[in-house]
Amino acid sequence: MFNIRVYGILINQDRQVLVSDEYIRGNYYTKFPGGGLEFGEGTRDCLRREFKEEMDLEVEVGDHIYTTDFFQMSAFNPTHQIVSIYYFVKALEPIRCPLRTAPFAFDERELSVYEQTGETETFRFVEWKDFSADTVTLPIDKAVAALLKQKH
């Protein structure tokens, strides 16, 4: 079974990269914003939906960056293979959701979401000079982070 994921790379005018800090099933992950493709949805539509759901943010989906070109088993289901697709995105409005300055700085509301659903997330920007493959947790994200640093 294939699990298709779509992620957006948002680099702001200050050359900072947006990341999502997530607490899922008792584990901490830093990743790029995005999520799972739903049946009947295109990849760009998926990404716009994910940003709207997760950050209440309208985005413009830009150039394709990368699609997974190696085998990656799902960390959550060993019968699923992950295929991730990455695009540049641009915010079409100011970001209104809370942005953190430290990783995994969840507030009471976010922790209560975790208690109800088993997962929660928050967002922050990472300075370009501090951004690298080590910034993110997941193997495909690491490949994309290294590619971004190499090309930009």
N, C-alpha and C. Protein backbone atom coordinates (compact mmCIF):
# COMPACT_ATOMS: atom_id res chain seq x y z
N MET A 1 0.84 -1.17 0.00
CA MET A 1 0.00 0.00 0.00
C MET A 1 0.89 1.24 0.00
N PHE A 2 0.50 2.22 -0.78
CA PHE A 2 1.25 3.48 -0.86
C PHE A 2 0.55 4.55 -0.05
N ASN A 3 1.32 5.33 0.67
CA ASN A 3 0.83 6.47 1.43
C ASN A 3 1.48 7.69 0.79
N ILE A 4 0.67 8.53 0.14
CA ILE A 4 1.21 9.70 -0.55
C ILE A 4 1.05 10.92 0.33
N ARG A 5 2.15 11.60 0.55
CA ARG A 5 2.22 12.78 1.41
C ARG A 5 2.65 13.97 0.55
N VAL A 6 2.14 15.15 0.87
CA VAL A 6 2.47 16.36 0.12
C VAL A 6 2.90 17.43 1.12
N TYR A 7 4.06 18.06 0.86
CA TYR A 7 4.62 19.02 1.81
C TYR A 7 4.99 20.32 1.11
N GLY A 8 4.91 21.40 1.88
CA GLY A 8 5.24 22.72 1.37
C GLY A 8 6.45 23.32 2.05
N ILE A 9 7.32 23.89 1.23
CA ILE A 9 8.49 24.59 1.75
C ILE A 9 8.19 26.08 1.64
N LEU A 10 8.01 26.71 2.80
CA LEU A 10 7.72 28.13 2.85
C LEU A 10 8.96 28.83 3.42
N ILE A 11 9.57 29.66 2.59
CA ILE A 11 10.72 30.46 3.01
C ILE A 11 10.26 31.92 2.97
N ASN A 12 10.30 32.58 4.13
CA ASN A 12 9.77 33.94 4.20
C ASN A 12 10.78 34.97 3.69
N GLN A 13 10.37 36.24 3.74
CA GLN A 13 11.20 37.34 3.22
C GLN A 13 12.48 37.52 4.03
N ASP A 14 12.52 36.99 5.25
CA ASP A 14 13.73 37.07 6.09
C ASP A 14 14.63 35.85 5.91
N ARG A 15 14.32 35.04 4.91
CA ARG A 15 15.08 33.82 4.61
C ARG A 15 15.06 32.83 5.78
N GLN A 16 13.85 32.62 6.28
CA GLN A 16 13.61 31.64 7.33
C GLN A 16 12.70 30.56 6.77
N VAL A 17 12.93 29.32 7.19
CA VAL A 17 12.18 28.17 6.69
C VAL A 17 11.14 27.76 7.74
N LEU A 18 9.89 27.60 7.31
CA LEU A 18 8.82 27.18 8.21
C LEU A 18 8.90 25.67 8.43
N VAL A 19 8.85 25.26 9.70
CA VAL A 19 8.78 23.85 10.05
C VAL A 19 7.63 23.63 11.02
N SER A 20 7.20 22.39 11.09
CA SER A 20 6.15 21.97 12.00
C SER A 20 6.78 21.06 13.04
N ASP A 21 6.55 21.37 14.32
CA ASP A 21 6.97 20.49 15.40
C ASP A 21 5.75 19.70 15.82
N GLU A 22 5.83 18.38 15.72
CA GLU A 22 4.66 17.54 15.99
C GLU A 22 4.96 16.51 17.06
N TYR A 23 3.94 16.25 17.85
CA TYR A 23 3.99 15.22 18.89
C TYR A 23 2.94 14.20 18.48
N ILE A 24 3.41 13.03 18.02
CA ILE A 24 2.52 12.00 17.48
C ILE A 24 2.81 10.68 18.18
N ARG A 25 1.78 10.13 18.80
CA ARG A 25 1.88 8.81 19.43
C ARG A 25 3.09 8.70 20.36
N GLY A 26 3.34 9.76 21.12
CA GLY A 26 4.41 9.75 22.11
C GLY A 26 5.80 10.06 21.57
N ASN A 27 5.90 10.42 20.29
CA ASN A 27 7.20 10.75 19.70
C ASN A 27 7.18 12.17 19.13
N TYR A 28 8.35 12.80 19.14
CA TYR A 28 8.51 14.16 18.64
C TYR A 28 9.13 14.14 17.24
N TYR A 29 8.55 14.95 16.34
CA TYR A 29 9.04 15.04 14.96
C TYR A 29 9.06 16.50 14.55
N THR A 30 10.12 16.91 13.89
CA THR A 30 10.15 18.21 13.22
C THR A 30 10.13 17.90 11.74
N LYS A 31 9.16 18.51 11.04
CA LYS A 31 8.99 18.20 9.62
C LYS A 31 8.50 19.43 8.90
N PHE A 32 8.33 19.29 7.61
CA PHE A 32 7.76 20.37 6.81
C PHE A 32 6.24 20.29 6.91
N PRO A 33 5.55 21.42 6.84
CA PRO A 33 4.09 21.40 6.88
C PRO A 33 3.50 20.67 5.68
N GLY A 34 2.42 19.97 5.92
CA GLY A 34 1.73 19.24 4.86
C GLY A 34 1.09 18.01 5.44
N GLY A 35 0.69 17.10 4.56
CA GLY A 35 0.04 15.89 5.04
C GLY A 35 -0.39 14.97 3.92
N GLY A 36 -1.34 14.13 4.24
CA GLY A 36 -1.74 13.05 3.35
C GLY A 36 -2.69 13.46 2.25
N LEU A 37 -2.42 12.94 1.07
CA LEU A 37 -3.29 13.13 -0.08
C LEU A 37 -4.57 12.33 0.12
N GLU A 38 -5.71 12.99 -0.10
CA GLU A 38 -6.99 12.31 0.03
C GLU A 38 -7.51 11.89 -1.35
N PHE A 39 -8.30 10.84 -1.39
CA PHE A 39 -8.85 10.34 -2.64
C PHE A 39 -9.62 11.45 -3.35
N GLY A 40 -9.39 11.60 -4.65
CA GLY A 40 -10.08 12.60 -5.45
C GLY A 40 -9.42 13.96 -5.43
N GLU A 41 -8.26 14.07 -4.82
CA GLU A 41 -7.59 15.36 -4.64
C GLU A 41 -6.28 15.37 -5.41
N GLY A 42 -5.97 16.49 -6.04
CA GLY A 42 -4.66 16.67 -6.66
C GLY A 42 -3.63 17.07 -5.61
N THR A 43 -2.36 16.94 -5.92
CA THR A 43 -1.32 17.23 -4.94
C THR A 43 -1.31 18.70 -4.52
N ARG A 44 -1.51 19.60 -5.46
CA ARG A 44 -1.53 21.03 -5.13
C ARG A 44 -2.76 21.38 -4.29
N ASP A 45 -3.91 20.78 -4.62
CA ASP A 45 -5.12 20.99 -3.81
C ASP A 45 -4.90 20.46 -2.39
N CYS A 46 -4.25 19.33 -2.28
CA CYS A 46 -3.95 18.74 -0.97
C CYS A 46 -3.13 19.72 -0.14
N LEU A 47 -2.12 20.29 -0.74
CA LEU A 47 -1.23 21.19 0.00
C LEU A 47 -1.96 22.45 0.44
N ARG A 48 -2.78 23.00 -0.44
CA ARG A 48 -3.58 24.17 -0.04
C ARG A 48 -4.51 23.82 1.12
N ARG A 49 -5.15 22.64 1.05
CA ARG A 49 -6.05 22.21 2.12
C ARG A 49 -5.29 22.03 3.43
N GLU A 50 -4.14 21.38 3.37
CA GLU A 50 -3.37 21.13 4.59
C GLU A 50 -2.95 22.43 5.28
N PHE A 51 -2.48 23.41 4.50
CA PHE A 51 -2.09 24.69 5.11
C PHE A 51 -3.30 25.39 5.72
N LYS A 52 -4.44 25.29 5.04
CA LYS A 52 -5.66 25.92 5.57
C LYS A 52 -6.09 25.21 6.86
N GLU A 53 -6.08 23.88 6.87
CA GLU A 53 -6.50 23.13 8.06
C GLU A 53 -5.54 23.32 9.23
N GLU A 54 -4.25 23.26 8.95
CA GLU A 54 -3.26 23.25 10.02
C GLU A 54 -2.90 24.65 10.53
N MET A 55 -2.89 25.64 9.62
CA MET A 55 -2.43 26.97 9.99
C MET A 55 -3.46 28.06 9.72
N ASP A 56 -4.62 27.70 9.17
CA ASP A 56 -5.61 28.67 8.72
C ASP A 56 -4.94 29.70 7.80
N LEU A 57 -4.15 29.18 6.86
CA LEU A 57 -3.35 30.02 5.98
C LEU A 57 -3.60 29.67 4.52
N GLU A 58 -3.94 30.68 3.74
CA GLU A 58 -4.07 30.51 2.29
C GLU A 58 -2.67 30.60 1.69
N VAL A 59 -2.32 29.63 0.85
CA VAL A 59 -1.01 29.62 0.20
C VAL A 59 -1.15 29.45 -1.30
N GLU A 60 -0.15 29.94 -1.99
CA GLU A 60 0.00 29.69 -3.42
C GLU A 60 1.05 28.60 -3.56
N VAL A 61 0.72 27.55 -4.27
CA VAL A 61 1.66 26.44 -4.46
C VAL A 61 2.49 26.74 -5.70
N GLY A 62 3.80 26.74 -5.52
CA GLY A 62 4.72 27.09 -6.60
C GLY A 62 5.37 25.86 -7.23
N ASP A 63 6.65 26.00 -7.51
CA ASP A 63 7.40 24.98 -8.23
C ASP A 63 7.55 23.69 -7.43
N HIS A 64 7.52 22.58 -8.17
CA HIS A 64 7.81 21.26 -7.60
C HIS A 64 9.29 21.23 -7.24
N ILE A 65 9.59 20.67 -6.09
CA ILE A 65 10.99 20.56 -5.64
C ILE A 65 11.50 19.14 -5.77
N TYR A 66 10.69 18.17 -5.30
CA TYR A 66 11.22 16.81 -5.17
C TYR A 66 10.07 15.84 -4.97
N THR A 67 10.23 14.64 -5.51
CA THR A 67 9.36 13.50 -5.21
C THR A 67 10.26 12.35 -4.79
N THR A 68 9.86 11.64 -3.76
CA THR A 68 10.67 10.55 -3.23
C THR A 68 11.14 9.62 -4.35
N ASP A 69 12.45 9.35 -4.36
CA ASP A 69 13.00 8.45 -5.37
C ASP A 69 13.73 7.26 -4.73
N PHE A 70 13.38 6.97 -3.49
CA PHE A 70 13.94 5.80 -2.80
C PHE A 70 12.84 5.18 -1.94
N PHE A 71 13.03 3.94 -1.57
CA PHE A 71 12.03 3.25 -0.74
C PHE A 71 12.06 3.82 0.67
N GLN A 72 10.88 4.16 1.18
CA GLN A 72 10.75 4.58 2.57
C GLN A 72 9.52 3.93 3.17
N MET A 73 9.74 3.08 4.15
CA MET A 73 8.64 2.44 4.84
C MET A 73 8.05 3.43 5.84
N SER A 74 6.75 3.38 6.04
CA SER A 74 6.08 4.24 7.01
C SER A 74 6.56 3.92 8.42
N ALA A 75 6.78 4.97 9.20
CA ALA A 75 7.17 4.80 10.60
C ALA A 75 6.00 4.29 11.43
N PHE A 76 4.77 4.43 10.91
CA PHE A 76 3.58 4.08 11.68
C PHE A 76 2.91 2.80 11.21
N ASN A 77 3.22 2.35 9.98
CA ASN A 77 2.60 1.14 9.46
C ASN A 77 3.59 0.45 8.52
N PRO A 78 4.19 -0.65 8.96
CA PRO A 78 5.22 -1.31 8.16
C PRO A 78 4.72 -1.92 6.84
N THR A 79 3.41 -1.91 6.60
CA THR A 79 2.89 -2.40 5.32
C THR A 79 2.69 -1.27 4.32
N HIS A 80 3.03 -0.03 4.71
CA HIS A 80 2.87 1.13 3.82
C HIS A 80 4.21 1.68 3.38
N GLN A 81 4.29 2.02 2.11
CA GLN A 81 5.44 2.72 1.55
C GLN A 81 5.06 4.19 1.41
N ILE A 82 5.94 5.07 1.86
CA ILE A 82 5.70 6.51 1.80
C ILE A 82 6.26 7.08 0.50
N VAL A 83 5.45 7.86 -0.19
CA VAL A 83 5.90 8.65 -1.33
C VAL A 83 5.56 10.10 -0.98
N SER A 84 6.56 10.94 -0.91
CA SER A 84 6.36 12.34 -0.53
C SER A 84 6.68 13.26 -1.70
N ILE A 85 5.85 14.29 -1.85
CA ILE A 85 5.99 15.26 -2.93
C ILE A 85 6.13 16.63 -2.28
N TYR A 86 7.12 17.40 -2.72
CA TYR A 86 7.43 18.70 -2.11
C TYR A 86 7.31 19.82 -3.14
N TYR A 87 6.71 20.92 -2.69
CA TYR A 87 6.57 22.13 -3.50
C TYR A 87 6.99 23.34 -2.67
N PHE A 88 7.43 24.38 -3.36
CA PHE A 88 7.57 25.67 -2.71
C PHE A 88 6.16 26.22 -2.52
N VAL A 89 5.92 26.92 -1.42
CA VAL A 89 4.66 27.61 -1.21
C VAL A 89 4.94 29.03 -0.77
N LYS A 90 3.97 29.89 -1.06
CA LYS A 90 4.05 31.30 -0.67
C LYS A 90 2.78 31.64 0.09
N ALA A 91 2.91 32.29 1.24
CA ALA A 91 1.76 32.72 2.02
C ALA A 91 1.07 33.86 1.28
N LEU A 92 -0.25 33.76 1.14
CA LEU A 92 -1.03 34.80 0.47
C LEU A 92 -1.62 35.80 1.46
N GLU A 93 -1.32 35.60 2.73
CA GLU A 93 -1.84 36.47 3.78
C GLU A 93 -0.90 36.35 4.98
N PRO A 94 -1.00 37.26 5.94
CA PRO A 94 -0.16 37.14 7.14
C PRO A 94 -0.47 35.86 7.90
N ILE A 95 0.54 35.28 8.51
CA ILE A 95 0.36 34.09 9.33
C ILE A 95 -0.27 34.51 10.65
N ARG A 96 -1.41 33.93 10.97
CA ARG A 96 -2.14 34.27 12.19
C ARG A 96 -1.98 33.24 13.30
N CYS A 97 -1.64 32.02 12.95
CA CYS A 97 -1.51 31.00 13.99
C CYS A 97 -0.26 31.31 14.83
N PRO A 98 -0.25 30.83 16.07
CA PRO A 98 0.92 31.10 16.92
C PRO A 98 2.18 30.48 16.33
N LEU A 99 3.24 31.25 16.31
CA LEU A 99 4.55 30.76 15.90
C LEU A 99 5.43 30.69 17.13
N ARG A 100 6.14 29.62 17.28
CA ARG A 100 7.01 29.42 18.45
C ARG A 100 8.44 29.81 18.11
N THR A 101 9.23 30.02 19.15
CA THR A 101 10.65 30.30 18.95
C THR A 101 11.50 29.10 19.34
N ALA A 102 10.90 28.16 20.07
CA ALA A 102 11.63 26.96 20.50
C ALA A 102 10.90 25.71 20.00
N PRO A 103 11.63 24.65 19.73
CA PRO A 103 10.99 23.41 19.28
C PRO A 103 10.04 22.84 20.35
N PHE A 104 8.92 22.33 19.90
CA PHE A 104 7.97 21.60 20.74
C PHE A 104 7.45 22.41 21.93
N ALA A 105 7.26 23.70 21.71
CA ALA A 105 6.75 24.58 22.76
C ALA A 105 5.22 24.59 22.68
N PHE A 106 4.62 23.48 23.08
CA PHE A 106 3.18 23.33 22.99
C PHE A 106 2.50 24.07 24.14
N ASP A 107 1.38 24.72 23.83
CA ASP A 107 0.61 25.39 24.88
C ASP A 107 -0.46 24.44 25.41
N GLU A 108 -1.24 24.91 26.37
CA GLU A 108 -2.26 24.05 26.99
C GLU A 108 -3.28 23.55 25.97
N ARG A 109 -3.70 24.40 25.05
CA ARG A 109 -4.68 23.99 24.03
C ARG A 109 -4.11 22.87 23.17
N GLU A 110 -2.86 23.02 22.74
CA GLU A 110 -2.24 22.00 21.89
C GLU A 110 -2.05 20.68 22.64
N LEU A 111 -1.74 20.77 23.93
CA LEU A 111 -1.60 19.55 24.72
C LEU A 111 -2.96 18.88 24.94
N SER A 112 -4.02 19.66 25.05
CA SER A 112 -5.35 19.05 25.19
C SER A 112 -5.77 18.38 23.88
N VAL A 113 -5.36 18.95 22.74
CA VAL A 113 -5.61 18.30 21.45
C VAL A 113 -4.91 16.95 21.42
N TYR A 114 -3.68 16.91 21.93
CA TYR A 114 -2.94 15.65 21.98
C TYR A 114 -3.68 14.60 22.82
N GLU A 115 -4.19 15.02 23.96
CA GLU A 115 -4.92 14.09 24.82
C GLU A 115 -6.15 13.52 24.13
N GLN A 116 -6.77 14.31 23.26
CA GLN A 116 -7.97 13.87 22.56
C GLN A 116 -7.66 13.03 21.32
N THR A 117 -6.59 13.39 20.60
CA THR A 117 -6.35 12.78 19.29
C THR A 117 -5.07 11.95 19.19
N GLY A 118 -4.16 12.10 20.14
CA GLY A 118 -2.89 11.39 20.06
C GLY A 118 -1.85 12.10 19.21
N GLU A 119 -2.17 13.32 18.78
CA GLU A 119 -1.19 14.11 18.05
C GLU A 119 -1.52 15.59 18.15
N THR A 120 -0.47 16.40 18.08
CA THR A 120 -0.63 17.86 18.05
C THR A 120 0.58 18.45 17.36
N GLU A 121 0.47 19.73 17.00
CA GLU A 121 1.58 20.36 16.28
C GLU A 121 1.61 21.85 16.57
N THR A 122 2.77 22.41 16.31
CA THR A 122 2.97 23.84 16.36
C THR A 122 3.99 24.20 15.29
N PHE A 123 4.15 25.47 15.01
CA PHE A 123 4.99 25.91 13.89
C PHE A 123 6.01 26.93 14.36
N ARG A 124 7.13 26.96 13.62
CA ARG A 124 8.17 27.96 13.90
C ARG A 124 9.01 28.14 12.65
N PHE A 125 9.71 29.26 12.61
CA PHE A 125 10.65 29.52 11.52
C PHE A 125 12.06 29.22 12.01
N VAL A 126 12.87 28.68 11.10
CA VAL A 126 14.27 28.40 11.37
C VAL A 126 15.10 29.29 10.44
N GLU A 127 16.07 29.99 11.03
CA GLU A 127 16.96 30.84 10.23
C GLU A 127 17.69 30.00 9.19
N TRP A 128 17.83 30.53 7.98
CA TRP A 128 18.49 29.81 6.89
C TRP A 128 19.87 29.33 7.30
N LYS A 129 20.63 30.18 8.00
CA LYS A 129 21.99 29.81 8.40
C LYS A 129 22.00 28.62 9.37
N ASP A 130 20.90 28.43 10.09
CA ASP A 130 20.80 27.32 11.05
C ASP A 130 20.08 26.11 10.48
N PHE A 131 19.50 26.26 9.31
CA PHE A 131 18.71 25.20 8.69
C PHE A 131 19.61 24.19 7.99
N SER A 132 19.32 22.89 8.20
CA SER A 132 20.07 21.81 7.56
C SER A 132 19.23 20.54 7.62
N ALA A 133 19.79 19.47 7.11
CA ALA A 133 19.11 18.17 7.19
C ALA A 133 18.89 17.76 8.65
N ASP A 134 19.73 18.25 9.54
CA ASP A 134 19.58 17.93 10.96
C ASP A 134 18.40 18.65 11.61
N THR A 135 17.86 19.66 10.94
CA THR A 135 16.72 20.41 11.48
C THR A 135 15.47 19.55 11.53
N VAL A 136 15.32 18.66 10.56
CA VAL A 136 14.11 17.85 10.43
C VAL A 136 14.38 16.40 10.82
N THR A 137 13.31 15.68 11.10
CA THR A 137 13.42 14.33 11.67
C THR A 137 13.30 13.21 10.64
N LEU A 138 12.35 13.34 9.73
CA LEU A 138 12.01 12.23 8.84
C LEU A 138 13.02 12.09 7.69
N PRO A 139 13.30 10.85 7.26
CA PRO A 139 14.34 10.62 6.25
C PRO A 139 14.12 11.36 4.93
N ILE A 140 12.89 11.40 4.43
CA ILE A 140 12.66 12.09 3.16
C ILE A 140 12.82 13.59 3.35
N ASP A 141 12.34 14.12 4.47
CA ASP A 141 12.54 15.55 4.76
C ASP A 141 14.02 15.90 4.83
N LYS A 142 14.81 15.00 5.39
CA LYS A 142 16.26 15.24 5.48
C LYS A 142 16.87 15.36 4.08
N ALA A 143 16.43 14.49 3.16
CA ALA A 143 16.93 14.55 1.78
C ALA A 143 16.55 15.88 1.13
N VAL A 144 15.32 16.34 1.37
CA VAL A 144 14.87 17.61 0.79
C VAL A 144 15.61 18.79 1.41
N ALA A 145 15.82 18.77 2.72
CA ALA A 145 16.56 19.85 3.38
C ALA A 145 17.97 19.95 2.82
N ALA A 146 18.63 18.82 2.63
CA ALA A 146 19.98 18.82 2.06
C ALA A 146 19.97 19.35 0.63
N LEU A 147 18.96 18.97 -0.14
CA LEU A 147 18.82 19.46 -1.52
C LEU A 147 18.60 20.97 -1.53
N LEU A 148 17.77 21.47 -0.65
CA LEU A 148 17.53 22.92 -0.58
C LEU A 148 18.80 23.67 -0.25
N LYS A 149 19.54 23.19 0.74
CA LYS A 149 20.78 23.87 1.13
C LYS A 149 21.81 23.84 0.00
N GLN A 150 21.84 22.75 -0.73
CA GLN A 150 22.79 22.60 -1.84
C GLN A 150 22.45 23.56 -2.99
N LYS A 151 21.17 23.71 -3.29
CA LYS A 151 20.76 24.48 -4.48
C LYS A 151 20.48 25.94 -4.20
N HIS A 152 20.29 26.31 -2.95
CA HIS A 152 19.91 27.69 -2.64
C HIS A 152 20.91 28.28 -1.71
